[in-house]
Amino acid sequence: MATEQSKAHHVGEWASLRHTSNEIAEAIFEVANYDERLAEQIWEQQGSDDVLIRAFKKTDQDVLTWDDKTVERKNV
């Protein structure tokens, strides 16, 4: 079983490769229960309300990115 540190590192790499904020990537993996195939499907759909709500709860930033697309807190 992966440690929390290795999970965080993997999610960070995954986010970087997909030009996606770490907060959004973390939220995607939480929703997907750390199933990478499901995470990829969620990422491809872009715009899951559950993911975005979770992501913005992780930060006080007002703007995050999902595949280089800007997502604003006020629109969630």
PDB file of N, CA and C in Angstrom:
ATOM      1  N   MET A   1       0.850  -1.185   0.000  1.00  0.00           N
ATOM      2  CA  MET A   1       0.000   0.000   0.000  1.00  0.00           C
ATOM      3  C   MET A   1       0.893   1.245   0.000  1.00  0.00           C
ATOM      4  N   ALA A   2       0.531   2.214  -0.784  1.00  0.00           N
ATOM      5  CA  ALA A   2       1.324   3.439  -0.892  1.00  0.00           C
ATOM      6  C   ALA A   2       1.179   4.285   0.369  1.00  0.00           C
ATOM      7  N   THR A   3       2.256   4.936   0.723  1.00  0.00           N
ATOM      8  CA  THR A   3       2.207   5.845   1.869  1.00  0.00           C
ATOM      9  C   THR A   3       1.561   7.149   1.434  1.00  0.00           C
ATOM     10  N   GLU A   4       1.146   7.946   2.408  1.00  0.00           N
ATOM     11  CA  GLU A   4       0.549   9.248   2.086  1.00  0.00           C
ATOM     12  C   GLU A   4       1.539  10.119   1.318  1.00  0.00           C
ATOM     13  N   GLN A   5       2.819  10.041   1.692  1.00  0.00           N
ATOM     14  CA  GLN A   5       3.834  10.842   1.023  1.00  0.00           C
ATOM     15  C   GLN A   5       3.990  10.415  -0.442  1.00  0.00           C
ATOM     16  N   SER A   6       4.005   9.116  -0.699  1.00  0.00           N
ATOM     17  CA  SER A   6       4.151   8.660  -2.081  1.00  0.00           C
ATOM     18  C   SER A   6       2.897   8.970  -2.893  1.00  0.00           C
ATOM     19  N   LYS A   7       1.725   8.890  -2.259  1.00  0.00           N
ATOM     20  CA  LYS A   7       0.490   9.268  -2.953  1.00  0.00           C
ATOM     21  C   LYS A   7       0.539  10.734  -3.345  1.00  0.00           C
ATOM     22  N   ALA A   8       0.960  11.584  -2.425  1.00  0.00           N
ATOM     23  CA  ALA A   8       1.025  13.022  -2.682  1.00  0.00           C
ATOM     24  C   ALA A   8       2.007  13.313  -3.813  1.00  0.00           C
ATOM     25  N   HIS A   9       3.148  12.634  -3.806  1.00  0.00           N
ATOM     26  CA  HIS A   9       4.140  12.830  -4.865  1.00  0.00           C
ATOM     27  C   HIS A   9       3.565  12.404  -6.210  1.00  0.00           C
ATOM     28  N   HIS A  10       2.913  11.247  -6.244  1.00  0.00           N
ATOM     29  CA  HIS A  10       2.318  10.743  -7.483  1.00  0.00           C
ATOM     30  C   HIS A  10       1.257  11.709  -8.005  1.00  0.00           C
ATOM     31  N   VAL A  11       0.404  12.186  -7.136  1.00  0.00           N
ATOM     32  CA  VAL A  11      -0.656  13.112  -7.539  1.00  0.00           C
ATOM     33  C   VAL A  11      -0.040  14.413  -8.055  1.00  0.00           C
ATOM     34  N   GLY A  12       1.016  14.878  -7.406  1.00  0.00           N
ATOM     35  CA  GLY A  12       1.693  16.093  -7.859  1.00  0.00           C
ATOM     36  C   GLY A  12       2.273  15.938  -9.254  1.00  0.00           C
ATOM     37  N   GLU A  13       2.921  14.800  -9.514  1.00  0.00           N
ATOM     38  CA  GLU A  13       3.452  14.510 -10.851  1.00  0.00           C
ATOM     39  C   GLU A  13       2.330  14.429 -11.870  1.00  0.00           C
ATOM     40  N   TRP A  14       1.270  13.732 -11.509  1.00  0.00           N
ATOM     41  CA  TRP A  14       0.107  13.546 -12.375  1.00  0.00           C
ATOM     42  C   TRP A  14      -0.468  14.907 -12.749  1.00  0.00           C
ATOM     43  N   ALA A  15      -0.598  15.795 -11.765  1.00  0.00           N
ATOM     44  CA  ALA A  15      -1.136  17.134 -11.995  1.00  0.00           C
ATOM     45  C   ALA A  15      -0.237  17.916 -12.942  1.00  0.00           C
ATOM     46  N   SER A  16       1.059  17.858 -12.704  1.00  0.00           N
ATOM     47  CA  SER A  16       2.014  18.598 -13.522  1.00  0.00           C
ATOM     48  C   SER A  16       1.953  18.162 -14.984  1.00  0.00           C
ATOM     49  N   LEU A  17       1.897  16.866 -15.218  1.00  0.00           N
ATOM     50  CA  LEU A  17       1.831  16.348 -16.586  1.00  0.00           C
ATOM     51  C   LEU A  17       0.559  16.776 -17.313  1.00  0.00           C
ATOM     52  N   ARG A  18      -0.486  17.052 -16.553  1.00  0.00           N
ATOM     53  CA  ARG A  18      -1.786  17.407 -17.141  1.00  0.00           C
ATOM     54  C   ARG A  18      -2.104  18.896 -17.030  1.00  0.00           C
ATOM     55  N   HIS A  19      -1.111  19.674 -16.618  1.00  0.00           N
ATOM     56  CA  HIS A  19      -1.296  21.135 -16.494  1.00  0.00           C
ATOM     57  C   HIS A  19      -2.540  21.454 -15.668  1.00  0.00           C
ATOM     58  N   THR A  20      -2.601  20.816 -14.513  1.00  0.00           N
ATOM     59  CA  THR A  20      -3.750  20.914 -13.624  1.00  0.00           C
ATOM     60  C   THR A  20      -3.263  21.252 -12.217  1.00  0.00           C
ATOM     61  N   SER A  21      -3.976  22.116 -11.531  1.00  0.00           N
ATOM     62  CA  SER A  21      -3.608  22.491 -10.160  1.00  0.00           C
ATOM     63  C   SER A  21      -3.566  21.252  -9.274  1.00  0.00           C
ATOM     64  N   ASN A  22      -2.610  21.255  -8.342  1.00  0.00           N
ATOM     65  CA  ASN A  22      -2.504  20.134  -7.399  1.00  0.00           C
ATOM     66  C   ASN A  22      -3.806  19.916  -6.644  1.00  0.00           C
ATOM     67  N   GLU A  23      -4.474  20.997  -6.264  1.00  0.00           N
ATOM     68  CA  GLU A  23      -5.729  20.870  -5.502  1.00  0.00           C
ATOM     69  C   GLU A  23      -6.784  20.125  -6.301  1.00  0.00           C
ATOM     70  N   ILE A  24      -6.872  20.434  -7.594  1.00  0.00           N
ATOM     71  CA  ILE A  24      -7.847  19.735  -8.441  1.00  0.00           C
ATOM     72  C   ILE A  24      -7.435  18.272  -8.598  1.00  0.00           C
ATOM     73  N   ALA A  25      -6.156  18.010  -8.816  1.00  0.00           N
ATOM     74  CA  ALA A  25      -5.693  16.622  -8.952  1.00  0.00           C
ATOM     75  C   ALA A  25      -5.970  15.832  -7.676  1.00  0.00           C
ATOM     76  N   GLU A  26      -5.686  16.427  -6.518  1.00  0.00           N
ATOM     77  CA  GLU A  26      -5.955  15.749  -5.244  1.00  0.00           C
ATOM     78  C   GLU A  26      -7.439  15.426  -5.121  1.00  0.00           C
ATOM     79  N   ALA A  27      -8.283  16.379  -5.469  1.00  0.00           N
ATOM     80  CA  ALA A  27      -9.726  16.173  -5.374  1.00  0.00           C
ATOM     81  C   ALA A  27     -10.189  15.091  -6.349  1.00  0.00           C
ATOM     82  N   ILE A  28      -9.623  15.074  -7.548  1.00  0.00           N
ATOM     83  CA  ILE A  28      -9.970  14.033  -8.526  1.00  0.00           C
ATOM     84  C   ILE A  28      -9.641  12.654  -7.954  1.00  0.00           C
ATOM     85  N   PHE A  29      -8.451  12.510  -7.388  1.00  0.00           N
ATOM     86  CA  PHE A  29      -8.065  11.212  -6.833  1.00  0.00           C
ATOM     87  C   PHE A  29      -8.921  10.837  -5.624  1.00  0.00           C
ATOM     88  N   GLU A  30      -9.325  11.797  -4.825  1.00  0.00           N
ATOM     89  CA  GLU A  30     -10.221  11.502  -3.699  1.00  0.00           C
ATOM     90  C   GLU A  30     -11.553  10.970  -4.213  1.00  0.00           C
ATOM     91  N   VAL A  31     -12.125  11.652  -5.197  1.00  0.00           N
ATOM     92  CA  VAL A  31     -13.409  11.230  -5.762  1.00  0.00           C
ATOM     93  C   VAL A  31     -13.270   9.847  -6.401  1.00  0.00           C
ATOM     94  N   ALA A  32     -12.120   9.599  -7.034  1.00  0.00           N
ATOM     95  CA  ALA A  32     -11.876   8.318  -7.700  1.00  0.00           C
ATOM     96  C   ALA A  32     -11.389   7.232  -6.739  1.00  0.00           C
ATOM     97  N   ASN A  33     -11.288   7.583  -5.455  1.00  0.00           N
ATOM     98  CA  ASN A  33     -10.785   6.642  -4.448  1.00  0.00           C
ATOM     99  C   ASN A  33      -9.411   6.085  -4.845  1.00  0.00           C
ATOM    100  N   TYR A  34      -8.571   6.959  -5.394  1.00  0.00           N
ATOM    101  CA  TYR A  34      -7.197   6.659  -5.808  1.00  0.00           C
ATOM    102  C   TYR A  34      -7.097   5.581  -6.888  1.00  0.00           C
ATOM    103  N   ASP A  35      -8.172   5.417  -7.672  1.00  0.00           N
ATOM    104  CA  ASP A  35      -8.156   4.538  -8.848  1.00  0.00           C
ATOM    105  C   ASP A  35      -7.713   5.396 -10.033  1.00  0.00           C
ATOM    106  N   GLU A  36      -6.517   5.120 -10.550  1.00  0.00           N
ATOM    107  CA  GLU A  36      -5.953   5.999 -11.584  1.00  0.00           C
ATOM    108  C   GLU A  36      -6.776   6.011 -12.872  1.00  0.00           C
ATOM    109  N   ARG A  37      -7.336   4.893 -13.260  1.00  0.00           N
ATOM    110  CA  ARG A  37      -8.176   4.866 -14.474  1.00  0.00           C
ATOM    111  C   ARG A  37      -9.398   5.763 -14.310  1.00  0.00           C
ATOM    112  N   LEU A  38     -10.039   5.646 -13.172  1.00  0.00           N
ATOM    113  CA  LEU A  38     -11.210   6.480 -12.913  1.00  0.00           C
ATOM    114  C   LEU A  38     -10.803   7.954 -12.805  1.00  0.00           C
ATOM    115  N   ALA A  39      -9.664   8.212 -12.185  1.00  0.00           N
ATOM    116  CA  ALA A  39      -9.171   9.589 -12.084  1.00  0.00           C
ATOM    117  C   ALA A  39      -8.970  10.186 -13.472  1.00  0.00           C
ATOM    118  N   GLU A  40      -8.406   9.400 -14.366  1.00  0.00           N
ATOM    119  CA  GLU A  40      -8.182   9.870 -15.739  1.00  0.00           C
ATOM    120  C   GLU A  40      -9.506  10.198 -16.425  1.00  0.00           C
ATOM    121  N   GLN A  41     -10.516   9.357 -16.209  1.00  0.00           N
ATOM    122  CA  GLN A  41     -11.832   9.606 -16.813  1.00  0.00           C
ATOM    123  C   GLN A  41     -12.442  10.894 -16.259  1.00  0.00           C
ATOM    124  N   ILE A  42     -12.337  11.093 -14.964  1.00  0.00           N
ATOM    125  CA  ILE A  42     -12.870  12.306 -14.337  1.00  0.00           C
ATOM    126  C   ILE A  42     -12.141  13.523 -14.886  1.00  0.00           C
ATOM    127  N   TRP A  43     -10.815  13.422 -15.005  1.00  0.00           N
ATOM    128  CA  TRP A  43     -10.023  14.535 -15.527  1.00  0.00           C
ATOM    129  C   TRP A  43     -10.446  14.871 -16.951  1.00  0.00           C
ATOM    130  N   GLU A  44     -10.664  13.850 -17.785  1.00  0.00           N
ATOM    131  CA  GLU A  44     -11.047  14.066 -19.181  1.00  0.00           C
ATOM    132  C   GLU A  44     -12.411  14.742 -19.299  1.00  0.00           C
ATOM    133  N   GLN A  45     -13.317  14.477 -18.370  1.00  0.00           N
ATOM    134  CA  GLN A  45     -14.657  15.077 -18.396  1.00  0.00           C
ATOM    135  C   GLN A  45     -14.615  16.559 -18.053  1.00  0.00           C
ATOM    136  N   GLN A  46     -13.646  16.969 -17.298  1.00  0.00           N
ATOM    137  CA  GLN A  46     -13.400  18.354 -16.911  1.00  0.00           C
ATOM    138  C   GLN A  46     -14.658  19.109 -16.472  1.00  0.00           C
ATOM    139  N   GLY A  47     -14.704  19.379 -15.191  1.00  0.00           N
ATOM    140  CA  GLY A  47     -15.762  20.226 -14.694  1.00  0.00           C
ATOM    141  C   GLY A  47     -16.651  19.602 -13.641  1.00  0.00           C
ATOM    142  N   SER A  48     -16.257  18.487 -13.084  1.00  0.00           N
ATOM    143  CA  SER A  48     -17.052  17.844 -12.047  1.00  0.00           C
ATOM    144  C   SER A  48     -17.244  18.792 -10.867  1.00  0.00           C
ATOM    145  N   ASP A  49     -18.499  19.077 -10.534  1.00  0.00           N
ATOM    146  CA  ASP A  49     -18.778  19.976  -9.413  1.00  0.00           C
ATOM    147  C   ASP A  49     -18.198  19.444  -8.112  1.00  0.00           C
ATOM    148  N   ASP A  50     -18.320  18.148  -7.884  1.00  0.00           N
ATOM    149  CA  ASP A  50     -17.800  17.548  -6.649  1.00  0.00           C
ATOM    150  C   ASP A  50     -16.291  17.783  -6.549  1.00  0.00           C
ATOM    151  N   VAL A  51     -15.585  17.576  -7.646  1.00  0.00           N
ATOM    152  CA  VAL A  51     -14.131  17.784  -7.661  1.00  0.00           C
ATOM    153  C   VAL A  51     -13.807  19.249  -7.385  1.00  0.00           C
ATOM    154  N   LEU A  52     -14.491  20.148  -8.069  1.00  0.00           N
ATOM    155  CA  LEU A  52     -14.169  21.569  -7.918  1.00  0.00           C
ATOM    156  C   LEU A  52     -14.480  22.082  -6.517  1.00  0.00           C
ATOM    157  N   ILE A  53     -15.561  21.641  -5.934  1.00  0.00           N
ATOM    158  CA  ILE A  53     -15.890  22.041  -4.564  1.00  0.00           C
ATOM    159  C   ILE A  53     -14.802  21.557  -3.612  1.00  0.00           C
ATOM    160  N   ARG A  54     -14.392  20.300  -3.752  1.00  0.00           N
ATOM    161  CA  ARG A  54     -13.323  19.753  -2.902  1.00  0.00           C
ATOM    162  C   ARG A  54     -12.017  20.518  -3.116  1.00  0.00           C
ATOM    163  N   ALA A  55     -11.701  20.801  -4.364  1.00  0.00           N
ATOM    164  CA  ALA A  55     -10.439  21.480  -4.677  1.00  0.00           C
ATOM    165  C   ALA A  55     -10.376  22.863  -4.042  1.00  0.00           C
ATOM    166  N   PHE A  56     -11.439  23.627  -4.157  1.00  0.00           N
ATOM    167  CA  PHE A  56     -11.420  24.980  -3.596  1.00  0.00           C
ATOM    168  C   PHE A  56     -11.452  24.969  -2.069  1.00  0.00           C
ATOM    169  N   LYS A  57     -11.932  23.896  -1.466  1.00  0.00           N
ATOM    170  CA  LYS A  57     -11.872  23.777  -0.004  1.00  0.00           C
ATOM    171  C   LYS A  57     -10.428  23.588   0.472  1.00  0.00           C
ATOM    172  N   LYS A  58      -9.545  23.147  -0.418  1.00  0.00           N
ATOM    173  CA  LYS A  58      -8.155  22.883  -0.066  1.00  0.00           C
ATOM    174  C   LYS A  58      -7.276  24.137  -0.124  1.00  0.00           C
ATOM    175  N   THR A  59      -7.810  25.237  -0.617  1.00  0.00           N
ATOM    176  CA  THR A  59      -6.992  26.426  -0.839  1.00  0.00           C
ATOM    177  C   THR A  59      -7.805  27.697  -0.640  1.00  0.00           C
ATOM    178  N   ASP A  60      -7.080  28.805  -0.472  1.00  0.00           N
ATOM    179  CA  ASP A  60      -7.779  30.094  -0.431  1.00  0.00           C
ATOM    180  C   ASP A  60      -7.596  30.847  -1.749  1.00  0.00           C
ATOM    181  N   GLN A  61      -6.978  30.189  -2.729  1.00  0.00           N
ATOM    182  CA  GLN A  61      -6.837  30.799  -4.053  1.00  0.00           C
ATOM    183  C   GLN A  61      -8.207  30.906  -4.712  1.00  0.00           C
ATOM    184  N   ASP A  62      -8.369  31.925  -5.538  1.00  0.00           N
ATOM    185  CA  ASP A  62      -9.638  32.122  -6.237  1.00  0.00           C
ATOM    186  C   ASP A  62      -9.635  31.559  -7.650  1.00  0.00           C
ATOM    187  N   VAL A  63      -8.453  31.131  -8.123  1.00  0.00           N
ATOM    188  CA  VAL A  63      -8.330  30.595  -9.477  1.00  0.00           C
ATOM    189  C   VAL A  63      -7.458  29.343  -9.441  1.00  0.00           C
ATOM    190  N   LEU A  64      -7.943  28.276 -10.057  1.00  0.00           N
ATOM    191  CA  LEU A  64      -7.183  27.036 -10.227  1.00  0.00           C
ATOM    192  C   LEU A  64      -7.193  26.701 -11.721  1.00  0.00           C
ATOM    193  N   THR A  65      -6.367  25.726 -12.114  1.00  0.00           N
ATOM    194  CA  THR A  65      -6.345  25.325 -13.525  1.00  0.00           C
ATOM    195  C   THR A  65      -6.671  23.851 -13.675  1.00  0.00           C
ATOM    196  N   TRP A  66      -7.358  23.552 -14.760  1.00  0.00           N
ATOM    197  CA  TRP A  66      -7.711  22.182 -15.117  1.00  0.00           C
ATOM    198  C   TRP A  66      -7.358  22.051 -16.594  1.00  0.00           C
ATOM    199  N   ASP A  67      -6.282  21.337 -16.910  1.00  0.00           N
ATOM    200  CA  ASP A  67      -5.812  21.178 -18.290  1.00  0.00           C
ATOM    201  C   ASP A  67      -5.584  22.555 -18.937  1.00  0.00           C
ATOM    202  N   ASP A  68      -4.874  23.413 -18.226  1.00  0.00           N
ATOM    203  CA  ASP A  68      -4.551  24.780 -18.673  1.00  0.00           C
ATOM    204  C   ASP A  68      -5.783  25.681 -18.811  1.00  0.00           C
ATOM    205  N   LYS A  69      -6.924  25.233 -18.368  1.00  0.00           N
ATOM    206  CA  LYS A  69      -8.131  26.071 -18.397  1.00  0.00           C
ATOM    207  C   LYS A  69      -8.349  26.649 -17.007  1.00  0.00           C
ATOM    208  N   THR A  70      -8.655  27.932 -16.959  1.00  0.00           N
ATOM    209  CA  THR A  70      -8.861  28.626 -15.692  1.00  0.00           C
ATOM    210  C   THR A  70     -10.231  28.289 -15.125  1.00  0.00           C
ATOM    211  N   VAL A  71     -10.250  27.982 -13.833  1.00  0.00           N
ATOM    212  CA  VAL A  71     -11.496  27.744 -13.118  1.00  0.00           C
ATOM    213  C   VAL A  71     -11.521  28.736 -11.956  1.00  0.00           C
ATOM    214  N   GLU A  72     -12.571  29.551 -11.896  1.00  0.00           N
ATOM    215  CA  GLU A  72     -12.671  30.549 -10.841  1.00  0.00           C
ATOM    216  C   GLU A  72     -13.606  30.079  -9.737  1.00  0.00           C
ATOM    217  N   ARG A  73     -13.204  30.370  -8.507  1.00  0.00           N
ATOM    218  CA  ARG A  73     -14.005  29.994  -7.346  1.00  0.00           C
ATOM    219  C   ARG A  73     -15.444  30.501  -7.464  1.00  0.00           C
ATOM    220  N   LYS A  74     -15.602  31.718  -7.932  1.00  0.00           N
ATOM    221  CA  LYS A  74     -16.931  32.325  -7.992  1.00  0.00           C
ATOM    222  C   LYS A  74     -17.879  31.575  -8.940  1.00  0.00           C
ATOM    223  N   ASN A  75     -17.326  30.749  -9.834  1.00  0.00           N
ATOM    224  CA  ASN A  75     -18.155  29.994 -10.784  1.00  0.00           C
ATOM    225  C   ASN A  75     -18.455  28.569 -10.324  1.00  0.00           C
ATOM    226  N   VAL A  76     -18.029  28.251  -9.108  1.00  0.00           N
ATOM    227  CA  VAL A  76     -18.242  26.885  -8.595  1.00  0.00           C
ATOM    228  C   VAL A  76     -19.407  26.879  -7.644  1.00  0.00           C
TER     229      VAL A  76
END
